[in-house]
Protein backbone atom coordinates (compact mmCIF):
# COMPACT_ATOMS: atom_id res chain seq x y z
CA MET A 1 -149.59 118.60 -147.10
CA LYS A 2 -148.20 116.32 -150.39
CA ILE A 3 -144.81 114.61 -150.26
CA THR A 4 -143.31 117.46 -152.02
CA ASP A 5 -144.12 120.32 -149.87
CA LEU A 6 -142.67 118.05 -147.31
CA ARG A 7 -139.77 117.99 -149.38
CA GLU A 8 -139.75 121.35 -150.00
CA LEU A 9 -139.53 122.41 -146.03
CA LEU A 10 -136.56 119.70 -144.54
CA LYS A 11 -134.54 122.22 -147.33
CA ASP A 12 -135.01 124.26 -143.89
CA LYS A 13 -132.49 124.59 -141.59
CA ARG A 14 -134.84 126.14 -139.03
CA VAL A 15 -136.85 122.89 -140.02
CA MET A 16 -134.39 120.65 -139.26
CA GLU A 17 -133.19 121.84 -135.72
CA GLU A 18 -136.42 122.16 -134.63
CA ILE A 19 -136.61 118.68 -135.54
CA HIS A 20 -133.47 118.01 -133.56
CA LYS A 21 -135.29 119.76 -130.71
CA HIS A 22 -138.52 116.99 -131.11
CA LEU A 23 -135.46 113.82 -131.31
CA TRP A 24 -133.63 115.43 -128.42
CA ILE A 25 -137.04 116.38 -126.10
CA GLU A 26 -139.13 112.98 -127.16
CA SER A 27 -135.94 111.02 -126.48
CA GLN A 28 -135.48 112.30 -123.49
CA LYS A 29 -138.86 111.18 -122.65
CA ALA A 30 -139.24 107.45 -123.59
CA GLY A 31 -135.07 106.63 -122.49
CA TYR A 32 -133.78 105.75 -124.96
CA SER A 33 -133.55 107.49 -128.91
CA ILE A 34 -136.03 106.99 -131.13
CA GLY A 35 -134.21 108.23 -134.06
CA LEU A 36 -134.25 110.22 -136.32
CA GLU A 37 -136.56 108.96 -138.76
CA ARG A 38 -139.58 109.05 -136.35
CA ALA A 39 -138.55 112.20 -134.86
CA THR A 40 -138.94 113.52 -138.78
CA ASP A 41 -142.09 111.67 -138.81
CA GLU A 42 -143.73 112.80 -135.26
CA TRP A 43 -142.46 116.16 -136.33
CA LEU A 44 -143.26 116.24 -139.52
CA LYS A 45 -146.71 115.10 -138.88
CA LEU A 46 -147.47 117.22 -135.83
CA TYR A 47 -145.63 120.32 -135.87
CA ALA A 48 -145.52 121.06 -139.52
CA GLU A 49 -148.32 122.80 -141.08
CA GLY A 50 -148.04 125.17 -137.53
CA TRP A 51 -144.45 125.76 -138.09
CA MET A 52 -145.22 127.44 -141.52
CA LYS A 53 -147.84 129.11 -140.74
CA TYR A 54 -146.13 131.31 -138.68
CA HIS A 55 -142.90 131.02 -140.27
CA LEU A 56 -143.32 130.97 -143.93
CA PRO A 57 -147.72 132.42 -144.07
CA GLU A 58 -147.68 133.10 -148.27
CA LYS A 59 -146.06 130.03 -148.72
CA PHE A 60 -148.86 128.54 -146.60
CA VAL A 61 -151.66 130.72 -148.15
CA LYS A 62 -150.53 129.88 -151.80
CA MET A 63 -150.68 125.54 -150.55
CA LYS A 64 -154.00 125.55 -149.00
CA GLU A 65 -155.18 127.44 -152.20
CA LYS A 66 -154.10 124.98 -154.13
CA GLU A 67 -155.39 122.01 -151.51
CA LYS A 68 -158.73 123.51 -152.29
CA ALA A 69 -159.09 123.64 -155.75
CA GLU A 70 -157.16 120.01 -156.34
CA VAL A 71 -159.85 119.18 -154.14
CA LYS A 72 -162.65 120.97 -155.83
CA LYS A 73 -161.81 118.69 -159.05
CA ASP A 74 -162.50 115.54 -157.47
CA ILE A 75 -166.04 116.61 -155.78
CA PRO A 76 -167.83 113.81 -157.61
CA LYS A 77 -171.43 115.93 -159.92
CA THR A 78 -174.35 115.18 -157.83
CA LYS A 79 -177.13 113.80 -159.43
CA VAL A 80 -179.37 117.05 -159.97
CA GLU A 81 -175.90 118.00 -161.48
CA SER A 82 -175.81 115.54 -163.84
CA LYS A 83 -179.65 115.45 -164.87
CA ARG A 84 -179.89 118.87 -164.77
CA LYS A 85 -176.81 118.76 -168.00
CA ARG A 86 -179.10 115.96 -169.95
CA THR A 87 -182.11 117.06 -169.44
CA ALA A 88 -180.33 120.53 -171.41
CA LYS A 89 -178.46 117.90 -174.05
CA ALA A 90 -181.69 116.83 -175.17
């Protein structure tokens, strides 16, 4: 997930409630407060994608399609494709 998607997700009150639950649970396990920043980072890494997939399926699908399109742009061309283009130009 991109940082812009994560920022948008953090605006949702339900997400913040989940992060506070995570903070409480992990702090109880550790025996001390792990802090909101760590809890947020952990929750985003571990649970954000699954939460979004369940609670915001339309937005999740659009985000994944956008990511696939961006990855496809960045894939370098193979040697065979490059040779075909060079021979076609000649």
